[in-house]
Amino acid sequence: MRLPLQLLLAVLAGATVFSLDITTRDGKTYKHVKVMGIYPDGLSIMHSTGVSKVPFDNLPDAIQKEYGYDPAKVAADRKAVEEANKAEAARAAAAQQQIALKARQEADERRRQEDEKLAAEQRKKDVAKMGSITLIIVGIVIALLLYFLPSIVGRHKINAFAIFVFNFFLGWTFLGWVLALVWACTKDAVIETLEQPAGTFKEP
């Protein structure tokens, strides 16, 4: 019931020019006042020097009563607005926290994926490196076996040490390696040891 009455008073005030002045509680005087709008916390007025909005708590008691000013209601409205603003600020802060948390999680996930990728690449490099080292070792072993093949073949011969020395110093030349291998494959000369029984004599 009060709201329609306030609207009616606003319309009437908009069409009416006061012939009186309004002096506020803080001592300021507005002359030739015309009410332009009514708000829960004050009046919007046009006066001789311009347009102003004057809070109800700064207006005289008669004007407060005329426009139905209720301090308790204004305080409740102000508190409701403040609580709504606080709630909105809390929601905005929570939303910002959620966004920041999501951003951190995404950053952590990207960092984890990058670490896993780097670790996988490092493992591949290590495997490739070990494979290369293994191939080098195997190649060296095979090369040594081939190089010292004459010495291995002739290891049971009487002149095995001479074959090894020949193989060691001249095996790097193909001809020396071939000669050492031929030497290792040649049969040893047969040496006969004549044994005569004690006290016997063998005629020529």
C-alpha atoms as a PDB file:
ATOM      1  CA  MET A   1       0.000   0.000   0.000  1.00  0.00           C
ATOM      2  CA  ARG A   2       2.876   2.361   0.760  1.00  0.00           C
ATOM      3  CA  LEU A   3       4.639   1.798  -2.587  1.00  0.00           C
ATOM      4  CA  PRO A   4       1.712   3.021  -4.770  1.00  0.00           C
ATOM      5  CA  LEU A   5       1.351   5.975  -2.412  1.00  0.00           C
ATOM      6  CA  GLN A   6       5.026   6.838  -2.873  1.00  0.00           C
ATOM      7  CA  LEU A   7       4.699   6.586  -6.631  1.00  0.00           C
ATOM      8  CA  LEU A   8       1.668   8.875  -6.519  1.00  0.00           C
ATOM      9  CA  LEU A   9       3.554  11.351  -4.383  1.00  0.00           C
ATOM     10  CA  ALA A  10       6.483  11.190  -6.831  1.00  0.00           C
ATOM     11  CA  VAL A  11       4.182  12.027  -9.738  1.00  0.00           C
ATOM     12  CA  LEU A  12       2.580  14.863  -7.798  1.00  0.00           C
ATOM     13  CA  ALA A  13       5.966  16.119  -6.674  1.00  0.00           C
ATOM     14  CA  GLY A  14       7.236  16.051 -10.265  1.00  0.00           C
ATOM     15  CA  ALA A  15       4.424  18.313 -11.356  1.00  0.00           C
ATOM     16  CA  THR A  16       4.541  20.639  -8.376  1.00  0.00           C
ATOM     17  CA  VAL A  17       6.990  23.417  -7.713  1.00  0.00           C
ATOM     18  CA  PHE A  18       7.499  24.236  -4.044  1.00  0.00           C
ATOM     19  CA  SER A  19       7.555  27.858  -3.118  1.00  0.00           C
ATOM     20  CA  LEU A  20       9.521  27.006   0.009  1.00  0.00           C
ATOM     21  CA  ASP A  21      13.127  26.227   0.623  1.00  0.00           C
ATOM     22  CA  ILE A  22      14.563  23.078   2.206  1.00  0.00           C
ATOM     23  CA  THR A  23      17.272  23.319   4.796  1.00  0.00           C
ATOM     24  CA  THR A  24      19.036  20.039   5.550  1.00  0.00           C
ATOM     25  CA  ARG A  25      20.244  18.892   8.938  1.00  0.00           C
ATOM     26  CA  ASP A  26      23.817  19.861   8.090  1.00  0.00           C
ATOM     27  CA  GLY A  27      22.697  23.465   7.429  1.00  0.00           C
ATOM     28  CA  LYS A  28      22.656  23.493   3.636  1.00  0.00           C
ATOM     29  CA  THR A  29      19.667  25.318   2.026  1.00  0.00           C
ATOM     30  CA  TYR A  30      18.073  24.403  -1.299  1.00  0.00           C
ATOM     31  CA  LYS A  31      15.783  27.064  -2.814  1.00  0.00           C
ATOM     32  CA  HIS A  32      12.799  26.608  -5.149  1.00  0.00           C
ATOM     33  CA  VAL A  33      12.899  22.846  -4.720  1.00  0.00           C
ATOM     34  CA  LYS A  34      11.202  20.426  -7.138  1.00  0.00           C
ATOM     35  CA  VAL A  35      11.217  16.694  -6.319  1.00  0.00           C
ATOM     36  CA  MET A  36      12.370  14.675  -9.328  1.00  0.00           C
ATOM     37  CA  GLY A  37      12.531  11.200  -7.804  1.00  0.00           C
ATOM     38  CA  ILE A  38      11.932   9.239  -4.627  1.00  0.00           C
ATOM     39  CA  TYR A  39      14.346   6.506  -3.559  1.00  0.00           C
ATOM     40  CA  PRO A  40      14.447   4.301  -0.468  1.00  0.00           C
ATOM     41  CA  ASP A  41      17.386   6.261   0.909  1.00  0.00           C
ATOM     42  CA  GLY A  42      16.590   9.825  -0.252  1.00  0.00           C
ATOM     43  CA  LEU A  43      15.112  12.332  -2.674  1.00  0.00           C
ATOM     44  CA  SER A  44      16.362  13.528  -6.025  1.00  0.00           C
ATOM     45  CA  ILE A  45      15.568  17.234  -6.252  1.00  0.00           C
ATOM     46  CA  MET A  46      15.930  20.086  -8.668  1.00  0.00           C
ATOM     47  CA  HIS A  47      16.684  23.455  -7.077  1.00  0.00           C
ATOM     48  CA  SER A  48      17.785  26.911  -8.021  1.00  0.00           C
ATOM     49  CA  THR A  49      21.437  25.919  -8.474  1.00  0.00           C
ATOM     50  CA  GLY A  50      21.056  22.479 -10.054  1.00  0.00           C
ATOM     51  CA  VAL A  51      20.078  18.890  -9.321  1.00  0.00           C
ATOM     52  CA  SER A  52      21.022  16.959  -6.171  1.00  0.00           C
ATOM     53  CA  LYS A  53      20.204  13.766  -4.340  1.00  0.00           C
ATOM     54  CA  VAL A  54      19.650  14.348  -0.628  1.00  0.00           C
ATOM     55  CA  PRO A  55      19.596  11.396   1.807  1.00  0.00           C
ATOM     56  CA  PHE A  56      16.482  11.105   3.965  1.00  0.00           C
ATOM     57  CA  ASP A  57      18.520  11.122   7.152  1.00  0.00           C
ATOM     58  CA  ASN A  58      19.738  14.621   6.204  1.00  0.00           C
ATOM     59  CA  LEU A  59      16.223  15.996   5.549  1.00  0.00           C
ATOM     60  CA  PRO A  60      13.946  17.631   8.130  1.00  0.00           C
ATOM     61  CA  ASP A  61      11.531  15.404  10.045  1.00  0.00           C
ATOM     62  CA  ALA A  62       8.487  16.872   8.280  1.00  0.00           C
ATOM     63  CA  ILE A  63       9.790  15.926   4.842  1.00  0.00           C
ATOM     64  CA  GLN A  64      10.863  12.523   6.078  1.00  0.00           C
ATOM     65  CA  LYS A  65       7.362  11.905   7.387  1.00  0.00           C
ATOM     66  CA  GLU A  66       5.737  13.321   4.246  1.00  0.00           C
ATOM     67  CA  TYR A  67       7.595  10.883   2.010  1.00  0.00           C
ATOM     68  CA  GLY A  68       7.265   7.920   4.346  1.00  0.00           C
ATOM     69  CA  TYR A  69      10.898   7.598   5.301  1.00  0.00           C
ATOM     70  CA  ASP A  70      11.478   4.529   7.481  1.00  0.00           C
ATOM     71  CA  PRO A  71      15.034   4.382   8.902  1.00  0.00           C
ATOM     72  CA  ALA A  72      14.651   0.725   9.872  1.00  0.00           C
ATOM     73  CA  LYS A  73      13.579  -0.213   6.377  1.00  0.00           C
ATOM     74  CA  VAL A  74      16.366   1.793   4.810  1.00  0.00           C
ATOM     75  CA  ALA A  75      18.874   0.152   7.153  1.00  0.00           C
ATOM     76  CA  ALA A  76      17.441  -3.266   6.319  1.00  0.00           C
ATOM     77  CA  ASP A  77      17.604  -2.502   2.593  1.00  0.00           C
ATOM     78  CA  ARG A  78      21.136  -1.227   2.938  1.00  0.00           C
ATOM     79  CA  LYS A  79      22.139  -4.330   4.896  1.00  0.00           C
ATOM     80  CA  ALA A  80      20.473  -6.556   2.312  1.00  0.00           C
ATOM     81  CA  VAL A  81      22.386  -4.799  -0.444  1.00  0.00           C
ATOM     82  CA  GLU A  82      25.643  -5.126   1.467  1.00  0.00           C
ATOM     83  CA  GLU A  83      25.005  -8.817   2.112  1.00  0.00           C
ATOM     84  CA  ALA A  84      24.117  -9.328  -1.534  1.00  0.00           C
ATOM     85  CA  ASN A  85      27.330  -7.558  -2.533  1.00  0.00           C
ATOM     86  CA  LYS A  86      29.320  -9.664  -0.090  1.00  0.00           C
ATOM     87  CA  ALA A  87      27.679 -12.838  -1.382  1.00  0.00           C
ATOM     88  CA  GLU A  88      28.426 -11.793  -4.959  1.00  0.00           C
ATOM     89  CA  ALA A  89      32.000 -10.994  -4.014  1.00  0.00           C
ATOM     90  CA  ALA A  90      32.307 -14.381  -2.290  1.00  0.00           C
ATOM     91  CA  ARG A  91      30.910 -16.135  -5.378  1.00  0.00           C
ATOM     92  CA  ALA A  92      33.295 -14.191  -7.600  1.00  0.00           C
ATOM     93  CA  ALA A  93      36.219 -15.077  -5.322  1.00  0.00           C
ATOM     94  CA  ALA A  94      35.193 -18.738  -5.307  1.00  0.00           C
ATOM     95  CA  ALA A  95      34.901 -18.676  -9.093  1.00  0.00           C
ATOM     96  CA  GLN A  96      38.353 -17.099  -9.340  1.00  0.00           C
ATOM     97  CA  GLN A  97      39.748 -19.749  -7.009  1.00  0.00           C
ATOM     98  CA  GLN A  98      38.178 -22.483  -9.114  1.00  0.00           C
ATOM     99  CA  ILE A  99      39.632 -20.946 -12.264  1.00  0.00           C
ATOM    100  CA  ALA A 100      43.052 -20.618 -10.634  1.00  0.00           C
ATOM    101  CA  LEU A 101      42.866 -24.195  -9.318  1.00  0.00           C
ATOM    102  CA  LYS A 102      41.889 -25.501 -12.748  1.00  0.00           C
ATOM    103  CA  ALA A 103      44.708 -23.514 -14.343  1.00  0.00           C
ATOM    104  CA  ARG A 104      47.203 -24.964 -11.834  1.00  0.00           C
ATOM    105  CA  GLN A 105      45.913 -28.473 -12.447  1.00  0.00           C
ATOM    106  CA  GLU A 106      46.180 -28.023 -16.202  1.00  0.00           C
ATOM    107  CA  ALA A 107      49.691 -26.597 -15.804  1.00  0.00           C
ATOM    108  CA  ASP A 108      50.671 -29.541 -13.568  1.00  0.00           C
ATOM    109  CA  GLU A 109      49.206 -31.983 -16.092  1.00  0.00           C
ATOM    110  CA  ARG A 110      51.088 -30.343 -18.958  1.00  0.00           C
ATOM    111  CA  ARG A 111      54.285 -30.379 -16.877  1.00  0.00           C
ATOM    112  CA  ARG A 112      53.749 -34.058 -16.030  1.00  0.00           C
ATOM    113  CA  GLN A 113      53.188 -34.923 -19.684  1.00  0.00           C
ATOM    114  CA  GLU A 114      56.278 -32.985 -20.685  1.00  0.00           C
ATOM    115  CA  ASP A 115      58.314 -34.760 -17.988  1.00  0.00           C
ATOM    116  CA  GLU A 116      57.037 -38.127 -19.176  1.00  0.00           C
ATOM    117  CA  LYS A 117      57.847 -37.206 -22.764  1.00  0.00           C
ATOM    118  CA  LEU A 118      61.351 -36.092 -21.811  1.00  0.00           C
ATOM    119  CA  ALA A 119      61.857 -39.258 -19.743  1.00  0.00           C
ATOM    120  CA  ALA A 120      60.690 -41.435 -22.667  1.00  0.00           C
ATOM    121  CA  GLU A 121      63.024 -39.615 -25.035  1.00  0.00           C
ATOM    122  CA  GLN A 122      65.888 -40.020 -22.567  1.00  0.00           C
ATOM    123  CA  ARG A 123      65.143 -43.745 -22.252  1.00  0.00           C
ATOM    124  CA  LYS A 124      65.187 -44.068 -26.035  1.00  0.00           C
ATOM    125  CA  LYS A 125      68.517 -42.251 -26.170  1.00  0.00           C
ATOM    126  CA  ASP A 126      69.925 -44.493 -23.414  1.00  0.00           C
ATOM    127  CA  VAL A 127      68.736 -47.632 -25.207  1.00  0.00           C
ATOM    128  CA  ALA A 128      70.179 -46.399 -28.487  1.00  0.00           C
ATOM    129  CA  LYS A 129      73.446 -45.518 -26.742  1.00  0.00           C
ATOM    130  CA  MET A 130      73.651 -48.925 -25.059  1.00  0.00           C
ATOM    131  CA  GLY A 131      72.862 -50.585 -28.381  1.00  0.00           C
ATOM    132  CA  SER A 132      75.643 -48.626 -30.068  1.00  0.00           C
ATOM    133  CA  ILE A 133      78.105 -49.503 -27.287  1.00  0.00           C
ATOM    134  CA  THR A 134      77.094 -53.164 -27.500  1.00  0.00           C
ATOM    135  CA  LEU A 135      77.561 -53.191 -31.263  1.00  0.00           C
ATOM    136  CA  ILE A 136      80.949 -51.535 -30.876  1.00  0.00           C
ATOM    137  CA  ILE A 137      82.032 -54.091 -28.267  1.00  0.00           C
ATOM    138  CA  VAL A 138      80.759 -57.000 -30.359  1.00  0.00           C
ATOM    139  CA  GLY A 139      82.485 -55.556 -33.423  1.00  0.00           C
ATOM    140  CA  ILE A 140      85.748 -55.167 -31.504  1.00  0.00           C
ATOM    141  CA  VAL A 141      85.520 -58.737 -30.182  1.00  0.00           C
ATOM    142  CA  ILE A 142      84.773 -60.115 -33.662  1.00  0.00           C
ATOM    143  CA  ALA A 143      87.602 -58.025 -35.157  1.00  0.00           C
ATOM    144  CA  LEU A 144      90.032 -59.299 -32.492  1.00  0.00           C
ATOM    145  CA  LEU A 145      88.923 -62.879 -33.064  1.00  0.00           C
ATOM    146  CA  LEU A 146      89.402 -62.497 -36.791  1.00  0.00           C
ATOM    147  CA  TYR A 147      92.716 -60.699 -36.320  1.00  0.00           C
ATOM    148  CA  PHE A 148      94.085 -63.373 -33.992  1.00  0.00           C
ATOM    149  CA  LEU A 149      92.487 -66.264 -35.868  1.00  0.00           C
ATOM    150  CA  PRO A 150      95.889 -67.561 -36.975  1.00  0.00           C
ATOM    151  CA  SER A 151      97.089 -67.559 -33.355  1.00  0.00           C
ATOM    152  CA  ILE A 152      93.905 -69.356 -32.249  1.00  0.00           C
ATOM    153  CA  VAL A 153      94.256 -71.981 -34.981  1.00  0.00           C
ATOM    154  CA  GLY A 154      97.939 -72.550 -34.225  1.00  0.00           C
ATOM    155  CA  ARG A 155      97.701 -72.439 -30.443  1.00  0.00           C
ATOM    156  CA  HIS A 156      98.587 -76.172 -30.147  1.00  0.00           C
ATOM    157  CA  LYS A 157     101.532 -76.080 -32.500  1.00  0.00           C
ATOM    158  CA  ILE A 158     105.120 -76.294 -31.345  1.00  0.00           C
ATOM    159  CA  ASN A 159     105.864 -72.762 -32.621  1.00  0.00           C
ATOM    160  CA  ALA A 160     102.571 -71.296 -31.362  1.00  0.00           C
ATOM    161  CA  PHE A 161     104.353 -68.355 -29.708  1.00  0.00           C
ATOM    162  CA  ALA A 162     106.197 -67.489 -32.927  1.00  0.00           C
ATOM    163  CA  ILE A 163     102.891 -67.596 -34.818  1.00  0.00           C
ATOM    164  CA  PHE A 164     101.321 -65.286 -32.218  1.00  0.00           C
ATOM    165  CA  VAL A 165     104.198 -62.781 -32.455  1.00  0.00           C
ATOM    166  CA  PHE A 166     104.050 -62.868 -36.260  1.00  0.00           C
ATOM    167  CA  ASN A 167     100.264 -62.467 -36.146  1.00  0.00           C
ATOM    168  CA  PHE A 168     100.473 -59.667 -33.578  1.00  0.00           C
ATOM    169  CA  PHE A 169     102.973 -57.488 -35.441  1.00  0.00           C
ATOM    170  CA  LEU A 170     102.142 -58.260 -39.088  1.00  0.00           C
ATOM    171  CA  GLY A 171      98.531 -59.340 -38.912  1.00  0.00           C
ATOM    172  CA  TRP A 172      97.327 -55.815 -39.681  1.00  0.00           C
ATOM    173  CA  THR A 173      98.611 -56.373 -43.225  1.00  0.00           C
ATOM    174  CA  PHE A 174      96.476 -58.753 -45.200  1.00  0.00           C
ATOM    175  CA  LEU A 175      99.517 -60.627 -46.508  1.00  0.00           C
ATOM    176  CA  GLY A 176     100.979 -61.020 -43.005  1.00  0.00           C
ATOM    177  CA  TRP A 177      97.609 -62.276 -41.703  1.00  0.00           C
ATOM    178  CA  VAL A 178      97.367 -64.822 -44.551  1.00  0.00           C
ATOM    179  CA  LEU A 179     100.934 -66.029 -43.988  1.00  0.00           C
ATOM    180  CA  ALA A 180     100.279 -66.409 -40.244  1.00  0.00           C
ATOM    181  CA  LEU A 181      97.119 -68.398 -40.958  1.00  0.00           C
ATOM    182  CA  VAL A 182      98.958 -70.636 -43.473  1.00  0.00           C
ATOM    183  CA  TRP A 183     101.731 -71.142 -40.935  1.00  0.00           C
ATOM    184  CA  ALA A 184      99.168 -72.051 -38.270  1.00  0.00           C
ATOM    185  CA  CYS A 185      97.542 -74.591 -40.597  1.00  0.00           C
ATOM    186  CA  THR A 186     100.840 -76.232 -41.598  1.00  0.00           C
ATOM    187  CA  LYS A 187     101.621 -79.495 -39.858  1.00  0.00           C
ATOM    188  CA  ASP A 188     104.605 -79.638 -37.545  1.00  0.00           C
ATOM    189  CA  ALA A 189     107.688 -81.525 -38.837  1.00  0.00           C
ATOM    190  CA  VAL A 190     107.928 -85.122 -37.542  1.00  0.00           C
ATOM    191  CA  ILE A 191     110.949 -85.535 -35.241  1.00  0.00           C
ATOM    192  CA  GLU A 192     111.943 -89.071 -34.533  1.00  0.00           C
ATOM    193  CA  THR A 193     113.704 -89.861 -31.319  1.00  0.00           C
ATOM    194  CA  LEU A 194     115.877 -92.918 -31.464  1.00  0.00           C
ATOM    195  CA  GLU A 195     115.920 -94.885 -28.314  1.00  0.00           C
ATOM    196  CA  GLN A 196     118.426 -97.611 -27.965  1.00  0.00           C
ATOM    197  CA  PRO A 197     118.099-100.293 -25.242  1.00  0.00           C
ATOM    198  CA  ALA A 198     120.801-100.211 -22.639  1.00  0.00           C
ATOM    199  CA  GLY A 199     123.772-102.492 -23.472  1.00  0.00           C
ATOM    200  CA  THR A 200     122.770-102.953 -27.154  1.00  0.00           C
ATOM    201  CA  PHE A 201     124.396-101.672 -30.269  1.00  0.00           C
ATOM    202  CA  LYS A 202     122.669-101.060 -33.518  1.00  0.00           C
ATOM    203  CA  GLU A 203     124.787-101.504 -36.606  1.00  0.00           C
ATOM    204  CA  PRO A 204     124.499 -98.971 -39.315  1.00  0.00           C
END
